[in-house]
Amino acid sequence: MEEAQDSSSLKLKRSIVIVIASLLLVAVIVLTVFKIGKSFKRSSSVEIVDTTAVPLPPHKKETVTIKPNTDSIIAAKGALLYTKYFEKDTLPQKYPQFLLEAFSGYDLNDYIYLKKLDLVNIDASLNAKEMLDKHLILSLGHYYKAIAFLMVNNEAEAIINLHWCINNPLNEHQLVKARWYLSLAYLKTNDPAKAIALLETVENSRPVFSYAAKAKNVLEELKQ
C-alpha cells in the first residue's frame, strides 16, 4: 500500500516538474520572440519628413529678350537714306564729241542712248583723234551710264559701271564721286556693310569735294 502511494507521489512530482519546465520554456520562447519583434520594428521603421514644412522657392518666370536685328534696321534706313541723298549728277561743261548724243539725252532725262552706249567694243567706234581721248571717254561714259542706271532703278548695272570707275579712276574727284554713288547703290540694295566701308572712305576724302560731309551725315544717320 505504501509502495503504491510513493509511486503516485513520484509521478505527481514528475508531472509538476514537467509542467514547470514547459512553462519556463514557453516563457523563454515568448520573451525571445518579443525581443526579435521589437528589434525588427526599430530597424524597419522609416522616417517620414514633412515636406510641407519646407517652403519651396518662388517660381521665377523666364524672360526672353529679343534683340533687334541691327543689319535689318540699317537696311531699312538705307533705302530711306538713298532717297534722301541721291541726286542726279550734272554733266561736265566740256566732254568728247563722241559722247554728245548720249549726254544730250542724259541732260533731258532720256537715258536710252547712254544705256545703249557700247563701251566694251569702243575701239571699233573711235577715230584716230578720239583714240587719244579713249580713257576720258570710257571714264565719263561708265560714270554717267551708272548714274543713268540708278535713275531707272537698275542698281546692278550701275554697280558694275561704278566699279569700273573706281578701278580705272580718271582723277581723284571722279574717284570720290564714284565711291559716293556706289555707297548709295549698296544702301538701296540692302548691302549696308559695303556701303558703310565706302562711306567711311569718302568721309576721309578732301573736304573740297563736298562728298566728305555728306558721307559723314549718312554714317551718323545709319548709327542712330
C-alpha atoms as a PDB file:
ATOM      1  CA  MET A   1       0.000   0.000   0.000  1.00  0.00           C
ATOM      2  CA  GLU A   2       2.781   2.404   0.917  1.00  0.00           C
ATOM      3  CA  GLU A   3       4.660   1.497  -2.269  1.00  0.00           C
ATOM      4  CA  ALA A   4       1.646   2.468  -4.330  1.00  0.00           C
ATOM      5  CA  GLN A   5       1.403   5.816  -2.586  1.00  0.00           C
ATOM      6  CA  ASP A   6       5.118   6.502  -3.083  1.00  0.00           C
ATOM      7  CA  SER A   7       4.783   5.659  -6.792  1.00  0.00           C
ATOM      8  CA  SER A   8       1.827   8.029  -7.172  1.00  0.00           C
ATOM      9  CA  SER A   9       3.637  10.786  -5.318  1.00  0.00           C
ATOM     10  CA  LEU A  10       6.677  10.353  -7.562  1.00  0.00           C
ATOM     11  CA  LYS A  11       4.560  10.545 -10.689  1.00  0.00           C
ATOM     12  CA  LEU A  12       2.892  13.711  -9.420  1.00  0.00           C
ATOM     13  CA  LYS A  13       6.208  15.346  -8.724  1.00  0.00           C
ATOM     14  CA  ARG A  14       7.454  14.417 -12.162  1.00  0.00           C
ATOM     15  CA  SER A  15       4.326  15.893 -13.762  1.00  0.00           C
ATOM     16  CA  ILE A  16       4.752  19.102 -11.784  1.00  0.00           C
ATOM     17  CA  VAL A  17       8.395  19.335 -12.862  1.00  0.00           C
ATOM     18  CA  ILE A  18       7.431  18.721 -16.498  1.00  0.00           C
ATOM     19  CA  VAL A  19       4.714  21.390 -16.319  1.00  0.00           C
ATOM     20  CA  ILE A  20       7.065  23.897 -14.705  1.00  0.00           C
ATOM     21  CA  ALA A  21       9.761  23.141 -17.292  1.00  0.00           C
ATOM     22  CA  SER A  22       7.235  23.552 -20.084  1.00  0.00           C
ATOM     23  CA  LEU A  23       6.079  26.881 -18.671  1.00  0.00           C
ATOM     24  CA  LEU A  24       9.664  28.086 -18.407  1.00  0.00           C
ATOM     25  CA  LEU A  25      10.330  27.005 -21.990  1.00  0.00           C
ATOM     26  CA  VAL A  26       7.222  28.807 -23.201  1.00  0.00           C
ATOM     27  CA  ALA A  27       8.247  31.935 -21.274  1.00  0.00           C
ATOM     28  CA  VAL A  28      11.722  31.861 -22.822  1.00  0.00           C
ATOM     29  CA  ILE A  29      10.249  31.423 -26.313  1.00  0.00           C
ATOM     30  CA  VAL A  30       7.763  34.277 -25.806  1.00  0.00           C
ATOM     31  CA  LEU A  31      10.471  36.580 -24.472  1.00  0.00           C
ATOM     32  CA  THR A  32      12.772  35.767 -27.391  1.00  0.00           C
ATOM     33  CA  VAL A  33      10.038  36.384 -29.956  1.00  0.00           C
ATOM     34  CA  PHE A  34       9.189  39.707 -28.287  1.00  0.00           C
ATOM     35  CA  LYS A  35      12.804  40.897 -28.431  1.00  0.00           C
ATOM     36  CA  ILE A  36      13.178  39.881 -32.082  1.00  0.00           C
ATOM     37  CA  GLY A  37       9.937  41.638 -32.997  1.00  0.00           C
ATOM     38  CA  LYS A  38      10.940  44.827 -31.216  1.00  0.00           C
ATOM     39  CA  SER A  39      14.340  44.850 -32.904  1.00  0.00           C
ATOM     40  CA  PHE A  40      12.775  44.317 -36.359  1.00  0.00           C
ATOM     41  CA  LYS A  41      10.320  47.126 -35.737  1.00  0.00           C
ATOM     42  CA  ARG A  42      13.148  49.538 -34.951  1.00  0.00           C
ATOM     43  CA  SER A  43      15.252  48.536 -37.943  1.00  0.00           C
ATOM     44  CA  SER A  44      12.359  48.669 -40.423  1.00  0.00           C
ATOM     45  CA  SER A  45      10.950  51.989 -39.293  1.00  0.00           C
ATOM     46  CA  VAL A  46      11.109  54.758 -41.969  1.00  0.00           C
ATOM     47  CA  GLU A  47      11.484  58.384 -41.036  1.00  0.00           C
ATOM     48  CA  ILE A  48       8.855  60.475 -42.787  1.00  0.00           C
ATOM     49  CA  VAL A  49       9.786  64.085 -43.415  1.00  0.00           C
ATOM     50  CA  ASP A  50       7.019  66.596 -43.631  1.00  0.00           C
ATOM     51  CA  THR A  51       7.838  68.394 -46.882  1.00  0.00           C
ATOM     52  CA  THR A  52       5.033  70.848 -46.385  1.00  0.00           C
ATOM     53  CA  ALA A  53       7.053  72.435 -43.603  1.00  0.00           C
ATOM     54  CA  VAL A  54       9.873  73.351 -46.042  1.00  0.00           C
ATOM     55  CA  PRO A  55       8.883  76.365 -48.190  1.00  0.00           C
ATOM     56  CA  LEU A  56       9.655  75.997 -51.887  1.00  0.00           C
ATOM     57  CA  PRO A  57      11.448  78.852 -53.669  1.00  0.00           C
ATOM     58  CA  PRO A  58       9.105  81.035 -55.701  1.00  0.00           C
ATOM     59  CA  HIS A  59       8.873  80.161 -59.393  1.00  0.00           C
ATOM     60  CA  LYS A  60      10.800  82.614 -61.494  1.00  0.00           C
ATOM     61  CA  LYS A  61       9.364  83.491 -64.880  1.00  0.00           C
ATOM     62  CA  GLU A  62      11.945  83.315 -67.626  1.00  0.00           C
ATOM     63  CA  THR A  63      12.092  86.489 -69.651  1.00  0.00           C
ATOM     64  CA  VAL A  64      13.315  86.307 -73.238  1.00  0.00           C
ATOM     65  CA  THR A  65      14.872  89.451 -74.611  1.00  0.00           C
ATOM     66  CA  ILE A  66      14.558  89.731 -78.354  1.00  0.00           C
ATOM     67  CA  LYS A  67      17.384  91.783 -79.716  1.00  0.00           C
ATOM     68  CA  PRO A  68      16.601  93.712 -82.847  1.00  0.00           C
ATOM     69  CA  ASN A  69      18.415  92.640 -85.952  1.00  0.00           C
ATOM     70  CA  THR A  70      20.851  95.512 -86.438  1.00  0.00           C
ATOM     71  CA  ASP A  71      21.508  94.675 -90.085  1.00  0.00           C
ATOM     72  CA  SER A  72      17.773  94.724 -90.834  1.00  0.00           C
ATOM     73  CA  ILE A  73      17.370  98.128 -89.199  1.00  0.00           C
ATOM     74  CA  ILE A  74      20.319  99.560 -91.118  1.00  0.00           C
ATOM     75  CA  ALA A  75      18.994  98.046 -94.355  1.00  0.00           C
ATOM     76  CA  ALA A  76      15.611  99.699 -93.811  1.00  0.00           C
ATOM     77  CA  LYS A  77      17.312 103.004 -93.099  1.00  0.00           C
ATOM     78  CA  GLY A  78      19.490 102.567 -96.155  1.00  0.00           C
ATOM     79  CA  ALA A  79      16.577 102.671 -98.583  1.00  0.00           C
ATOM     80  CA  LEU A  80      15.319 105.873 -96.971  1.00  0.00           C
ATOM     81  CA  LEU A  81      18.745 107.466 -96.962  1.00  0.00           C
ATOM     82  CA  TYR A  82      19.217 106.633-100.634  1.00  0.00           C
ATOM     83  CA  THR A  83      16.040 108.551-101.448  1.00  0.00           C
ATOM     84  CA  LYS A  84      17.151 111.415 -99.248  1.00  0.00           C
ATOM     85  CA  TYR A  85      20.710 111.799-100.540  1.00  0.00           C
ATOM     86  CA  PHE A  86      20.658 110.602-104.132  1.00  0.00           C
ATOM     87  CA  GLU A  87      20.894 113.404-106.677  1.00  0.00           C
ATOM     88  CA  LYS A  88      21.498 113.156-110.368  1.00  0.00           C
ATOM     89  CA  ASP A  89      24.984 114.450-111.105  1.00  0.00           C
ATOM     90  CA  THR A  90      25.374 117.264-113.611  1.00  0.00           C
ATOM     91  CA  LEU A  91      27.350 116.874-116.816  1.00  0.00           C
ATOM     92  CA  PRO A  92      30.784 118.484-117.214  1.00  0.00           C
ATOM     93  CA  GLN A  93      30.929 121.641-119.288  1.00  0.00           C
ATOM     94  CA  LYS A  94      33.235 120.004-121.817  1.00  0.00           C
ATOM     95  CA  TYR A  95      33.324 116.397-122.961  1.00  0.00           C
ATOM     96  CA  PRO A  96      34.365 114.486-126.108  1.00  0.00           C
ATOM     97  CA  GLN A  97      32.157 114.781-129.192  1.00  0.00           C
ATOM     98  CA  PHE A  98      31.794 111.008-129.171  1.00  0.00           C
ATOM     99  CA  LEU A  99      29.519 111.300-126.086  1.00  0.00           C
ATOM    100  CA  LEU A 100      27.367 114.157-127.429  1.00  0.00           C
ATOM    101  CA  GLU A 101      24.260 112.152-128.326  1.00  0.00           C
ATOM    102  CA  ALA A 102      24.275 110.093-125.135  1.00  0.00           C
ATOM    103  CA  PHE A 103      24.931 113.079-122.892  1.00  0.00           C
ATOM    104  CA  SER A 104      22.317 115.247-124.619  1.00  0.00           C
ATOM    105  CA  GLY A 105      19.731 112.592-123.815  1.00  0.00           C
ATOM    106  CA  TYR A 106      21.024 112.359-120.227  1.00  0.00           C
ATOM    107  CA  ASP A 107      20.575 116.105-119.832  1.00  0.00           C
ATOM    108  CA  LEU A 108      16.945 115.730-120.930  1.00  0.00           C
ATOM    109  CA  ASN A 109      16.331 112.699-118.680  1.00  0.00           C
ATOM    110  CA  ASP A 110      16.329 110.443-121.725  1.00  0.00           C
ATOM    111  CA  TYR A 111      18.748 107.645-120.913  1.00  0.00           C
ATOM    112  CA  ILE A 112      18.172 105.331-123.836  1.00  0.00           C
ATOM    113  CA  TYR A 113      21.263 106.414-125.802  1.00  0.00           C
ATOM    114  CA  LEU A 114      23.527 106.315-122.773  1.00  0.00           C
ATOM    115  CA  LYS A 115      22.339 102.866-121.747  1.00  0.00           C
ATOM    116  CA  LYS A 116      22.908 101.600-125.304  1.00  0.00           C
ATOM    117  CA  LEU A 117      26.396 103.102-125.454  1.00  0.00           C
ATOM    118  CA  ASP A 118      28.811 100.227-126.089  1.00  0.00           C
ATOM    119  CA  LEU A 119      31.948 100.862-124.079  1.00  0.00           C
ATOM    120  CA  VAL A 120      33.236  97.312-124.300  1.00  0.00           C
ATOM    121  CA  ASN A 121      33.852  97.335-128.045  1.00  0.00           C
ATOM    122  CA  ILE A 122      34.597 101.037-128.214  1.00  0.00           C
ATOM    123  CA  ASP A 123      37.773 100.763-130.294  1.00  0.00           C
ATOM    124  CA  ALA A 124      35.787  99.973-133.419  1.00  0.00           C
ATOM    125  CA  SER A 125      33.782 103.179-132.979  1.00  0.00           C
ATOM    126  CA  LEU A 126      36.626 105.630-132.335  1.00  0.00           C
ATOM    127  CA  ASN A 127      38.572 107.507-134.970  1.00  0.00           C
ATOM    128  CA  ALA A 128      42.241 108.305-134.618  1.00  0.00           C
ATOM    129  CA  LYS A 129      41.683 111.610-132.816  1.00  0.00           C
ATOM    130  CA  GLU A 130      39.096 110.119-130.433  1.00  0.00           C
ATOM    131  CA  MET A 131      41.519 107.316-129.589  1.00  0.00           C
ATOM    132  CA  LEU A 132      43.653 109.924-127.878  1.00  0.00           C
ATOM    133  CA  ASP A 133      40.715 110.643-125.544  1.00  0.00           C
ATOM    134  CA  LYS A 134      39.809 106.990-125.072  1.00  0.00           C
ATOM    135  CA  HIS A 135      40.368 106.903-121.319  1.00  0.00           C
ATOM    136  CA  LEU A 136      38.403 110.101-120.826  1.00  0.00           C
ATOM    137  CA  ILE A 137      35.545 108.755-122.969  1.00  0.00           C
ATOM    138  CA  LEU A 138      35.494 105.462-121.054  1.00  0.00           C
ATOM    139  CA  SER A 139      35.663 107.153-117.652  1.00  0.00           C
ATOM    140  CA  LEU A 140      32.866 109.626-118.365  1.00  0.00           C
ATOM    141  CA  GLY A 141      30.869 107.033-120.237  1.00  0.00           C
ATOM    142  CA  HIS A 142      30.931 104.431-117.421  1.00  0.00           C
ATOM    143  CA  TYR A 143      30.304 107.058-114.771  1.00  0.00           C
ATOM    144  CA  TYR A 144      27.239 108.618-116.375  1.00  0.00           C
ATOM    145  CA  LYS A 145      25.926 105.253-117.521  1.00  0.00           C
ATOM    146  CA  ALA A 146      25.965 104.311-113.818  1.00  0.00           C
ATOM    147  CA  ILE A 147      24.013 107.429-112.853  1.00  0.00           C
ATOM    148  CA  ALA A 148      21.545 106.770-115.675  1.00  0.00           C
ATOM    149  CA  PHE A 149      21.013 103.190-114.458  1.00  0.00           C
ATOM    150  CA  LEU A 150      20.406 104.453-110.923  1.00  0.00           C
ATOM    151  CA  MET A 151      17.822 106.877-112.319  1.00  0.00           C
ATOM    152  CA  VAL A 152      15.888 103.961-113.841  1.00  0.00           C
ATOM    153  CA  ASN A 153      16.316 101.716-110.775  1.00  0.00           C
ATOM    154  CA  ASN A 154      18.806  99.328-112.346  1.00  0.00           C
ATOM    155  CA  GLU A 155      21.259  99.167-109.455  1.00  0.00           C
ATOM    156  CA  ALA A 156      23.001  96.018-110.707  1.00  0.00           C
ATOM    157  CA  GLU A 157      24.247  97.684-113.900  1.00  0.00           C
ATOM    158  CA  ALA A 158      25.039 100.870-112.018  1.00  0.00           C
ATOM    159  CA  ILE A 159      27.258  98.952-109.600  1.00  0.00           C
ATOM    160  CA  ILE A 160      29.167  97.319-112.483  1.00  0.00           C
ATOM    161  CA  ASN A 161      29.905 100.680-114.128  1.00  0.00           C
ATOM    162  CA  LEU A 162      30.857 102.366-110.848  1.00  0.00           C
ATOM    163  CA  HIS A 163      33.311  99.595-110.074  1.00  0.00           C
ATOM    164  CA  TRP A 164      34.947 100.256-113.451  1.00  0.00           C
ATOM    165  CA  CYS A 165      35.354 103.909-112.497  1.00  0.00           C
ATOM    166  CA  ILE A 166      36.909 103.027-109.148  1.00  0.00           C
ATOM    167  CA  ASN A 167      39.307 100.537-110.702  1.00  0.00           C
ATOM    168  CA  ASN A 168      40.216 102.941-113.536  1.00  0.00           C
ATOM    169  CA  PRO A 169      39.906 106.417-111.988  1.00  0.00           C
ATOM    170  CA  LEU A 170      40.106 109.428-114.252  1.00  0.00           C
ATOM    171  CA  ASN A 171      41.147 111.636-111.347  1.00  0.00           C
ATOM    172  CA  GLU A 172      40.697 111.915-107.605  1.00  0.00           C
ATOM    173  CA  HIS A 173      37.468 113.870-107.888  1.00  0.00           C
ATOM    174  CA  GLN A 174      35.748 111.271-110.055  1.00  0.00           C
ATOM    175  CA  LEU A 175      37.047 108.501-107.784  1.00  0.00           C
ATOM    176  CA  VAL A 176      35.385 110.103-104.754  1.00  0.00           C
ATOM    177  CA  LYS A 177      32.138 110.618-106.695  1.00  0.00           C
ATOM    178  CA  ALA A 178      32.128 107.009-107.914  1.00  0.00           C
ATOM    179  CA  ARG A 179      32.585 105.736-104.344  1.00  0.00           C
ATOM    180  CA  TRP A 180      29.794 108.021-103.132  1.00  0.00           C
ATOM    181  CA  TYR A 181      27.269 106.802-105.698  1.00  0.00           C
ATOM    182  CA  LEU A 182      28.359 103.195-105.228  1.00  0.00           C
ATOM    183  CA  SER A 183      27.725 103.504-101.480  1.00  0.00           C
ATOM    184  CA  LEU A 184      24.218 104.792-102.231  1.00  0.00           C
ATOM    185  CA  ALA A 185      23.626 101.901-104.626  1.00  0.00           C
ATOM    186  CA  TYR A 186      24.621  99.434-101.894  1.00  0.00           C
ATOM    187  CA  LEU A 187      22.313 101.161 -99.409  1.00  0.00           C
ATOM    188  CA  LYS A 188      19.414 100.759-101.825  1.00  0.00           C
ATOM    189  CA  THR A 189      20.226  97.096-102.468  1.00  0.00           C
ATOM    190  CA  ASN A 190      20.356  96.291 -98.724  1.00  0.00           C
ATOM    191  CA  ASP A 191      24.102  95.778 -98.510  1.00  0.00           C
ATOM    192  CA  PRO A 192      24.932  98.113 -95.589  1.00  0.00           C
ATOM    193  CA  ALA A 193      28.347  96.621 -94.825  1.00  0.00           C
ATOM    194  CA  LYS A 194      29.759  97.537 -98.244  1.00  0.00           C
ATOM    195  CA  ALA A 195      28.011 100.899 -98.149  1.00  0.00           C
ATOM    196  CA  ILE A 196      29.497 101.804 -94.770  1.00  0.00           C
ATOM    197  CA  ALA A 197      33.016 100.839 -95.862  1.00  0.00           C
ATOM    198  CA  LEU A 198      32.728 103.129 -98.892  1.00  0.00           C
ATOM    199  CA  LEU A 199      31.153 105.952 -96.893  1.00  0.00           C
ATOM    200  CA  GLU A 200      33.997 105.851 -94.387  1.00  0.00           C
ATOM    201  CA  THR A 201      36.479 106.173 -97.248  1.00  0.00           C
ATOM    202  CA  VAL A 202      34.569 109.091 -98.750  1.00  0.00           C
ATOM    203  CA  GLU A 203      34.317 110.742 -95.337  1.00  0.00           C
ATOM    204  CA  ASN A 204      38.111 110.812 -95.162  1.00  0.00           C
ATOM    205  CA  SER A 205      38.444 112.396 -98.605  1.00  0.00           C
ATOM    206  CA  ARG A 206      39.381 116.024 -99.091  1.00  0.00           C
ATOM    207  CA  PRO A 207      36.589 118.384 -97.946  1.00  0.00           C
ATOM    208  CA  VAL A 208      36.902 120.367-101.170  1.00  0.00           C
ATOM    209  CA  PHE A 209      34.936 117.648-102.945  1.00  0.00           C
ATOM    210  CA  SER A 210      31.886 118.233-100.656  1.00  0.00           C
ATOM    211  CA  TYR A 211      31.101 114.500-100.525  1.00  0.00           C
ATOM    212  CA  ALA A 212      33.001 114.033 -97.259  1.00  0.00           C
ATOM    213  CA  ALA A 213      30.370 115.962 -95.292  1.00  0.00           C
ATOM    214  CA  LYS A 214      27.546 114.048 -96.999  1.00  0.00           C
ATOM    215  CA  ALA A 215      29.177 110.719 -96.189  1.00  0.00           C
ATOM    216  CA  LYS A 216      29.597 111.768 -92.559  1.00  0.00           C
ATOM    217  CA  ASN A 217      25.909 112.679 -92.318  1.00  0.00           C
ATOM    218  CA  VAL A 218      24.798 109.351 -93.802  1.00  0.00           C
ATOM    219  CA  LEU A 219      27.011 107.388 -91.402  1.00  0.00           C
ATOM    220  CA  GLU A 220      25.639 109.286 -88.431  1.00  0.00           C
ATOM    221  CA  GLU A 221      22.055 108.679 -89.518  1.00  0.00           C
ATOM    222  CA  LEU A 222      22.741 104.983 -90.071  1.00  0.00           C
ATOM    223  CA  LYS A 223      24.002 104.658 -86.495  1.00  0.00           C
ATOM    224  CA  GLN A 224      21.068 106.481 -84.885  1.00  0.00           C
END
